[in-house]
Amino acid sequence: MFLAAGGMSEDTPVAAGDEVLSWDKKVHDFGDVSVTDGPLSCSFTLTNNGSEPITIFEVVSSCGCTDVKWTKKAIQPGQSGTISATYKNEDGPMPFDKTLTAYISGVKKPVILRLRGVVHEKKKSPEELYGAVRMGDLGMKSRTLNAGTLRQGLSTSETITLANLGKKSLKLAFADVSEQLTVSAEPNPIPAGGTATLTCTVKADPGLYGRQVYKATPVVNGKKASAPIEITAWTQENFSGWTEEQRKKAALPYFDQSTFNYGSVKRGEKLEVTFHCNNRGKSALHIYQADAEDPALQPVNCPDIPAGKRGNLRFTLDTSRLEKGENVIMISLTTNSPLRPLINLFVAGIID
């Protein structure tokens, strides 16, 4: 299926050779804090779901403003360890987004953990912080979330802070919840003037790839909101269980060019866009989905390309749907190639 569409957390568990690690979270959002709150601390818990012990060798902070400690002894199968971090909160009022890079035995790539938040000079009222989007007495900064990459067979979660801007407690429920999506708020009911954390978890659907949008409509004290909360996740193939032999025999796409430049054209013209692809791998290349960030660009044909063969990917561009001037549209291809599971192509030109 090929759809043209627009468009932090990481998916868990994470493959670690024969072991599998699961995390309680990979992103900790402190939300809105003030400079007077002092140091901010959090912890990440990982569980060894494999059959062999694992060890956290080292955890490196992205800057000296964050102190970190971690479980030093080996973590046995079925057991858990922790990585604890403290952000010193000495940089003044500003947003922050810090990373911890964890090196763990058996994991081919280091694991990236994130601490983020917004520091204000002084405390702000819930109305100032969460009044941008209101659904009755329920307030939030935005009704859209980006849950990041989602690999088949796994799930990914993202959180958002909700506020009760009313003078009475607020009971929250959800209607019209998309399949593969679960939502929960804590605490619920939300006390008057208080906040709650909404956790949205998306489980990969084997039939869906690429950019997918999941929705849930809040029901506030029994009244259904007029618009849903939307969670975007980008689903890719999961190659963690592949053997080295399977990887060697996999598809391997190479494009003659990553950008199709159509030059200068009059607004209203319909153009055919073609990308030429060589499959240098030993298996057929399959494109699960082609997502264009602007609906003016639509896929026409993205066929399987046999091993060692060449194929063409065709799109149509309706320039009447674009603004005059320079335009660049990105296409994201979700593929069955473990070396290139996501390929970005670009269509560029000038509309007169």
Protein backbone atom coordinates (compact mmCIF):
# COMPACT_ATOMS: atom_id res chain seq x y z
CA MET A 1 0.00 0.00 0.00
CA PHE A 2 1.34 3.46 -0.89
CA LEU A 3 0.02 6.56 0.76
CA ALA A 4 1.09 10.18 0.41
CA ALA A 5 1.02 11.96 3.73
CA GLY A 6 2.77 14.52 5.89
CA GLY A 7 5.78 14.04 8.15
CA MET A 8 10.26 10.97 21.20
CA SER A 9 10.59 8.24 22.19
CA GLU A 10 12.26 5.10 20.95
CA ASP A 11 10.55 1.73 20.54
CA THR A 12 11.08 -0.91 23.19
CA PRO A 13 12.28 -3.61 23.73
CA VAL A 14 15.60 -3.22 21.94
CA ALA A 15 17.34 -6.18 20.36
CA ALA A 16 20.71 -6.98 21.91
CA GLY A 17 22.09 -9.93 19.97
CA ASP A 18 20.41 -12.99 21.47
CA GLU A 19 19.28 -10.92 24.46
CA VAL A 20 16.42 -8.52 24.52
CA LEU A 21 16.40 -5.46 26.76
CA SER A 22 13.19 -3.73 27.75
CA TRP A 23 13.04 -0.25 29.23
CA ASP A 24 10.40 1.44 31.34
CA LYS A 25 11.12 4.53 29.19
CA LYS A 26 13.86 6.10 27.12
CA VAL A 27 12.75 9.71 27.51
CA HIS A 28 12.09 11.50 30.79
CA ASP A 29 10.25 14.79 30.42
CA PHE A 30 10.45 17.02 33.51
CA GLY A 31 7.89 19.30 31.91
CA ASP A 32 7.79 22.92 33.02
CA VAL A 33 9.99 23.77 35.98
CA SER A 34 11.54 26.93 37.41
CA VAL A 35 15.12 27.95 38.16
CA THR A 36 14.31 27.81 41.87
CA ASP A 37 13.44 24.10 41.73
CA GLY A 38 17.12 23.16 41.95
CA PRO A 39 18.59 19.88 40.62
CA LEU A 40 16.17 17.58 38.77
CA SER A 41 16.56 13.79 39.12
CA CYS A 42 15.10 10.79 37.33
CA SER A 43 15.91 7.14 36.65
CA PHE A 44 15.58 4.66 33.79
CA THR A 45 14.98 0.95 34.44
CA LEU A 46 16.15 -1.77 32.05
CA THR A 47 15.23 -5.43 32.31
CA ASN A 48 17.26 -8.34 30.97
CA ASN A 49 14.78 -10.56 29.12
CA GLY A 50 17.52 -12.72 27.60
CA SER A 51 19.25 -15.90 28.71
CA GLU A 52 22.70 -14.45 29.54
CA PRO A 53 23.86 -11.80 32.04
CA ILE A 54 24.41 -8.29 30.73
CA THR A 55 26.55 -5.45 32.05
CA ILE A 56 26.27 -1.70 31.71
CA PHE A 57 29.85 -0.82 30.84
CA GLU A 58 29.52 2.95 30.85
CA VAL A 59 27.01 5.79 30.54
CA VAL A 60 28.23 9.06 29.05
CA SER A 61 26.37 12.35 29.52
CA SER A 62 26.20 14.85 26.68
CA CYS A 63 27.41 17.63 28.99
CA GLY A 64 28.80 18.34 32.44
CA CYS A 65 25.42 19.67 33.58
CA THR A 66 24.12 16.13 34.11
CA ASP A 67 25.48 13.65 36.67
CA VAL A 68 24.83 9.96 36.10
CA LYS A 69 25.05 6.70 38.07
CA TRP A 70 24.19 3.15 37.01
CA THR A 71 24.05 -0.46 38.18
CA LYS A 72 27.63 -1.71 38.15
CA LYS A 73 27.07 -5.43 38.81
CA ALA A 74 25.99 -7.86 36.10
CA ILE A 75 22.25 -7.94 35.50
CA GLN A 76 21.08 -11.55 35.48
CA PRO A 77 18.33 -12.90 33.20
CA GLY A 78 14.97 -11.70 34.44
CA GLN A 79 16.55 -9.04 36.64
CA SER A 80 16.59 -5.27 36.29
CA GLY A 81 19.12 -2.47 36.62
CA THR A 82 18.88 1.30 36.70
CA ILE A 83 20.53 4.36 35.23
CA SER A 84 19.98 7.45 37.38
CA ALA A 85 20.61 11.01 36.24
CA THR A 86 20.52 14.45 37.84
CA TYR A 87 20.28 17.60 35.74
CA LYS A 88 21.90 20.41 37.76
CA ASN A 89 19.47 23.05 36.48
CA GLU A 90 22.07 25.82 36.57
CA ASP A 91 21.79 27.16 33.01
CA GLY A 92 18.92 29.57 33.63
CA PRO A 93 15.51 29.80 31.95
CA MET A 94 15.60 27.85 28.71
CA PRO A 95 14.46 24.54 27.21
CA PHE A 96 16.87 21.63 27.68
CA ASP A 97 17.27 18.27 25.98
CA LYS A 98 20.19 16.20 27.27
CA THR A 99 21.27 12.73 26.21
CA LEU A 100 22.82 9.79 28.03
CA THR A 101 24.68 7.25 25.90
CA ALA A 102 24.67 3.79 27.50
CA TYR A 103 27.15 1.10 26.44
CA ILE A 104 25.81 -2.35 27.30
CA SER A 105 27.30 -5.78 26.73
CA GLY A 106 25.78 -7.65 23.78
CA VAL A 107 24.20 -4.51 22.33
CA LYS A 108 25.68 -3.66 18.95
CA LYS A 109 24.77 0.02 19.19
CA PRO A 110 24.80 2.24 22.28
CA VAL A 111 21.40 3.08 23.72
CA ILE A 112 20.41 6.75 23.80
CA LEU A 113 18.36 8.04 26.74
CA ARG A 114 17.02 11.59 26.95
CA LEU A 115 16.17 14.12 29.64
CA ARG A 116 14.17 17.13 28.58
CA GLY A 117 12.10 19.96 29.96
CA VAL A 118 11.58 23.72 29.98
CA VAL A 119 13.02 25.92 32.73
CA HIS A 120 11.20 29.19 33.45
CA GLU A 121 12.40 32.22 35.41
CA LYS A 122 9.40 31.90 37.71
CA LYS A 123 6.54 29.51 38.10
CA LYS A 124 3.68 29.95 35.64
CA SER A 125 0.02 29.26 36.16
CA PRO A 126 -1.59 26.17 34.55
CA GLU A 127 -3.55 28.54 32.26
CA GLU A 128 -0.30 30.14 31.02
CA LEU A 129 1.35 26.77 30.45
CA TYR A 130 -1.49 24.64 29.12
CA GLY A 131 -4.11 27.05 27.81
CA ALA A 132 -3.07 26.80 24.13
CA VAL A 133 -5.52 23.93 23.49
CA ARG A 134 -8.66 23.69 25.59
CA MET A 135 -11.29 20.97 25.63
CA GLY A 136 -13.69 22.24 28.26
CA ASP A 137 -11.63 22.51 31.44
CA LEU A 138 -8.96 20.21 30.01
CA GLY A 139 -5.90 22.08 28.74
CA MET A 140 -2.73 21.05 26.93
CA LYS A 141 0.09 22.63 24.92
CA SER A 142 -0.72 20.63 21.80
CA ARG A 143 -3.09 17.87 20.77
CA THR A 144 -0.48 16.24 18.51
CA LEU A 145 2.37 13.97 19.60
CA ASN A 146 5.25 12.39 17.73
CA ALA A 147 5.98 8.89 19.01
CA GLY A 148 8.99 8.45 16.72
CA THR A 149 10.13 5.18 15.18
CA LEU A 150 8.15 2.00 15.71
CA ARG A 151 9.52 -1.38 14.64
CA GLN A 152 7.33 -4.33 13.78
CA GLY A 153 6.55 -6.59 16.74
CA LEU A 154 7.30 -3.84 19.26
CA SER A 155 5.57 -0.83 20.79
CA THR A 156 6.46 2.79 21.40
CA SER A 157 5.16 5.31 23.91
CA GLU A 158 5.04 9.06 24.28
CA THR A 159 3.67 11.25 27.07
CA ILE A 160 2.00 14.64 27.22
CA THR A 161 1.04 16.77 30.20
CA LEU A 162 -2.63 17.61 30.67
CA ALA A 163 -4.00 20.26 33.02
CA ASN A 164 -7.30 20.75 34.76
CA LEU A 165 -7.99 24.47 34.27
CA GLY A 166 -11.30 24.32 36.13
CA LYS A 167 -12.27 24.62 39.78
CA LYS A 168 -13.56 21.07 40.19
CA SER A 169 -11.91 17.68 39.71
CA LEU A 170 -11.94 16.40 36.15
CA LYS A 171 -12.71 12.81 35.19
CA LEU A 172 -11.11 11.81 31.91
CA ALA A 173 -12.06 9.00 29.53
CA PHE A 174 -11.46 8.38 25.81
CA ALA A 175 -13.67 7.50 22.86
CA ASP A 176 -12.95 6.45 19.27
CA VAL A 177 -9.52 5.09 20.18
CA SER A 178 -7.58 3.77 17.17
CA GLU A 179 -6.69 0.11 17.02
CA GLN A 180 -3.15 -0.56 18.26
CA LEU A 181 -3.37 2.50 20.55
CA THR A 182 -3.82 2.55 24.32
CA VAL A 183 -4.07 5.72 26.41
CA SER A 184 -4.05 6.29 30.16
CA ALA A 185 -3.89 9.35 32.40
CA GLU A 186 -2.34 9.51 35.87
CA PRO A 187 -3.80 10.78 38.14
CA ASN A 188 -7.37 10.39 37.00
CA PRO A 189 -9.51 12.23 38.12
CA ILE A 190 -7.26 15.28 37.71
CA PRO A 191 -7.62 17.60 40.73
CA ALA A 192 -8.69 21.20 40.21
CA GLY A 193 -5.71 23.28 39.08
CA GLY A 194 -3.58 20.13 38.84
CA THR A 195 -1.87 18.24 36.06
CA ALA A 196 -1.74 14.65 34.84
CA THR A 197 0.52 12.67 32.56
CA LEU A 198 -1.16 11.14 29.53
CA THR A 199 0.72 8.08 28.26
CA CYS A 200 0.02 7.00 24.68
CA THR A 201 1.32 3.60 23.59
CA VAL A 202 1.22 2.36 20.02
CA LYS A 203 1.72 -1.31 19.15
CA ALA A 204 2.91 -2.08 15.63
CA ASP A 205 0.32 -3.49 13.26
CA PRO A 206 1.89 -6.11 10.94
CA GLY A 207 -0.07 -4.69 8.01
CA LEU A 208 0.96 -1.06 8.47
CA TYR A 209 4.25 0.62 7.57
CA GLY A 210 5.50 4.16 7.20
CA ARG A 211 3.80 7.18 8.72
CA GLN A 212 0.65 6.30 10.63
CA VAL A 213 -1.59 8.56 12.71
CA TYR A 214 -3.49 7.18 15.69
CA LYS A 215 -6.32 9.05 17.41
CA ALA A 216 -8.19 9.17 20.70
CA THR A 217 -10.93 11.66 21.56
CA PRO A 218 -11.02 12.90 25.18
CA VAL A 219 -14.28 12.64 27.12
CA VAL A 220 -14.14 15.29 29.85
CA ASN A 221 -16.58 14.74 32.74
CA GLY A 222 -18.81 12.79 30.37
CA LYS A 223 -18.68 15.31 27.50
CA LYS A 224 -16.92 14.25 24.31
CA ALA A 225 -14.40 16.74 22.93
CA SER A 226 -14.85 18.08 19.39
CA ALA A 227 -11.34 17.05 18.25
CA PRO A 228 -9.09 14.07 18.97
CA ILE A 229 -5.54 13.85 20.24
CA GLU A 230 -3.32 12.58 17.40
CA ILE A 231 -0.22 10.42 17.82
CA THR A 232 2.12 9.91 14.87
CA ALA A 233 4.44 6.88 14.67
CA TRP A 234 6.70 5.77 11.84
CA THR A 235 6.62 1.98 11.43
CA GLN A 236 9.64 0.16 9.99
CA GLU A 237 10.59 -3.46 9.53
CA ASN A 238 12.24 -5.18 12.49
CA PHE A 239 15.50 -6.82 11.46
CA SER A 240 16.74 -7.65 14.97
CA GLY A 241 16.13 -11.39 14.55
CA TRP A 242 17.87 -11.67 11.19
CA THR A 243 20.99 -13.80 10.93
CA GLU A 244 24.17 -12.57 9.27
CA GLU A 245 23.38 -14.85 6.35
CA GLN A 246 19.94 -13.27 5.90
CA ARG A 247 21.50 -9.82 5.98
CA LYS A 248 24.05 -10.76 3.34
CA LYS A 249 21.25 -11.98 1.05
CA ALA A 250 19.01 -8.97 1.63
CA ALA A 251 17.96 -6.29 -0.85
CA LEU A 252 20.30 -3.33 -1.28
CA PRO A 253 18.83 -0.29 -3.10
CA TYR A 254 20.91 2.40 -4.80
CA PHE A 255 19.31 5.39 -6.53
CA ASP A 256 20.86 7.23 -9.47
CA GLN A 257 19.96 10.47 -7.73
CA SER A 258 18.25 11.37 -4.47
CA THR A 259 16.75 14.62 -5.82
CA PHE A 260 14.46 15.05 -8.83
CA ASN A 261 14.68 18.68 -9.99
CA TYR A 262 11.90 19.72 -12.34
CA GLY A 263 13.29 23.22 -12.90
CA SER A 264 10.85 26.11 -13.36
CA VAL A 265 7.23 25.38 -14.33
CA LYS A 266 3.96 27.26 -14.41
CA ARG A 267 1.64 26.69 -11.48
CA GLY A 268 -1.12 24.27 -12.46
CA GLU A 269 0.99 21.84 -14.48
CA LYS A 270 0.94 18.15 -13.63
CA LEU A 271 4.34 16.53 -13.74
CA GLU A 272 5.58 12.96 -13.78
CA VAL A 273 8.41 12.30 -11.36
CA THR A 274 10.62 9.23 -11.80
CA PHE A 275 13.42 7.86 -9.64
CA HIS A 276 15.69 5.11 -10.99
CA CYS A 277 16.73 2.43 -8.52
CA ASN A 278 19.28 -0.39 -8.79
CA ASN A 279 18.90 -3.34 -6.45
CA ARG A 280 22.44 -4.53 -5.81
CA GLY A 281 21.32 -7.05 -3.21
CA LYS A 282 20.54 -10.73 -3.50
CA SER A 283 16.82 -10.53 -2.73
CA ALA A 284 13.96 -8.57 -4.24
CA LEU A 285 13.50 -5.02 -2.98
CA HIS A 286 10.05 -4.35 -1.56
CA ILE A 287 8.84 -0.86 -0.69
CA TYR A 288 6.22 -1.20 2.00
CA GLN A 289 5.10 2.40 1.75
CA ALA A 290 6.03 5.71 0.14
CA ASP A 291 5.14 8.77 2.21
CA ALA A 292 5.34 12.25 0.70
CA GLU A 293 5.24 15.18 3.08
CA ASP A 294 2.91 17.14 0.77
CA PRO A 295 -0.28 15.64 -0.74
CA ALA A 296 0.50 17.44 -4.01
CA LEU A 297 2.91 14.56 -4.66
CA GLN A 298 1.30 11.15 -5.08
CA PRO A 299 2.89 7.73 -5.74
CA VAL A 300 1.81 6.02 -8.97
CA ASN A 301 3.93 2.88 -9.07
CA CYS A 302 6.60 1.62 -6.67
CA PRO A 303 7.14 -1.97 -7.85
CA ASP A 304 9.24 -4.73 -6.36
CA ILE A 305 12.71 -4.75 -7.93
CA PRO A 306 14.31 -8.21 -8.35
CA ALA A 307 17.84 -8.89 -7.13
CA GLY A 308 20.42 -7.42 -9.47
CA LYS A 309 17.80 -5.54 -11.50
CA ARG A 310 16.82 -1.95 -12.11
CA GLY A 311 13.40 -0.42 -11.59
CA ASN A 312 11.59 2.90 -11.69
CA LEU A 313 9.54 4.54 -8.98
CA ARG A 314 6.95 6.93 -10.41
CA PHE A 315 5.02 9.78 -8.80
CA THR A 316 2.77 12.58 -10.03
CA LEU A 317 3.09 16.19 -8.88
CA ASP A 318 0.09 18.52 -9.04
CA THR A 319 1.71 21.97 -8.96
CA SER A 320 -1.68 23.68 -8.58
CA ARG A 321 -1.57 22.57 -4.94
CA LEU A 322 1.79 24.28 -4.31
CA GLU A 323 2.63 27.88 -3.49
CA LYS A 324 4.56 29.94 -6.00
CA GLY A 325 8.31 30.06 -5.51
CA GLU A 326 10.83 27.39 -4.56
CA ASN A 327 9.37 24.09 -3.33
CA VAL A 328 11.07 21.00 -1.89
CA ILE A 329 9.04 17.89 -1.01
CA MET A 330 10.56 14.93 0.80
CA ILE A 331 9.53 11.34 0.07
CA SER A 332 10.26 8.66 2.68
CA LEU A 333 10.41 5.06 1.49
CA THR A 334 9.98 2.27 4.03
CA THR A 335 11.78 -0.82 2.66
CA ASN A 336 12.74 -4.41 3.41
CA SER A 337 16.46 -3.60 3.24
CA PRO A 338 18.16 -3.92 6.67
CA LEU A 339 20.92 -1.53 5.60
CA ARG A 340 18.46 1.01 4.21
CA PRO A 341 15.11 0.53 5.96
CA LEU A 342 14.19 4.20 5.42
CA ILE A 343 15.24 6.14 2.33
CA ASN A 344 14.59 9.84 1.83
CA LEU A 345 14.20 11.25 -1.69
CA PHE A 346 13.47 14.84 -2.68
CA VAL A 347 11.47 16.57 -5.40
CA ALA A 348 12.47 20.19 -5.96
CA GLY A 349 11.74 23.04 -8.34
CA ILE A 350 10.34 26.52 -8.78
CA ILE A 351 6.67 27.29 -9.37
CA ASP A 352 6.12 30.42 -11.48
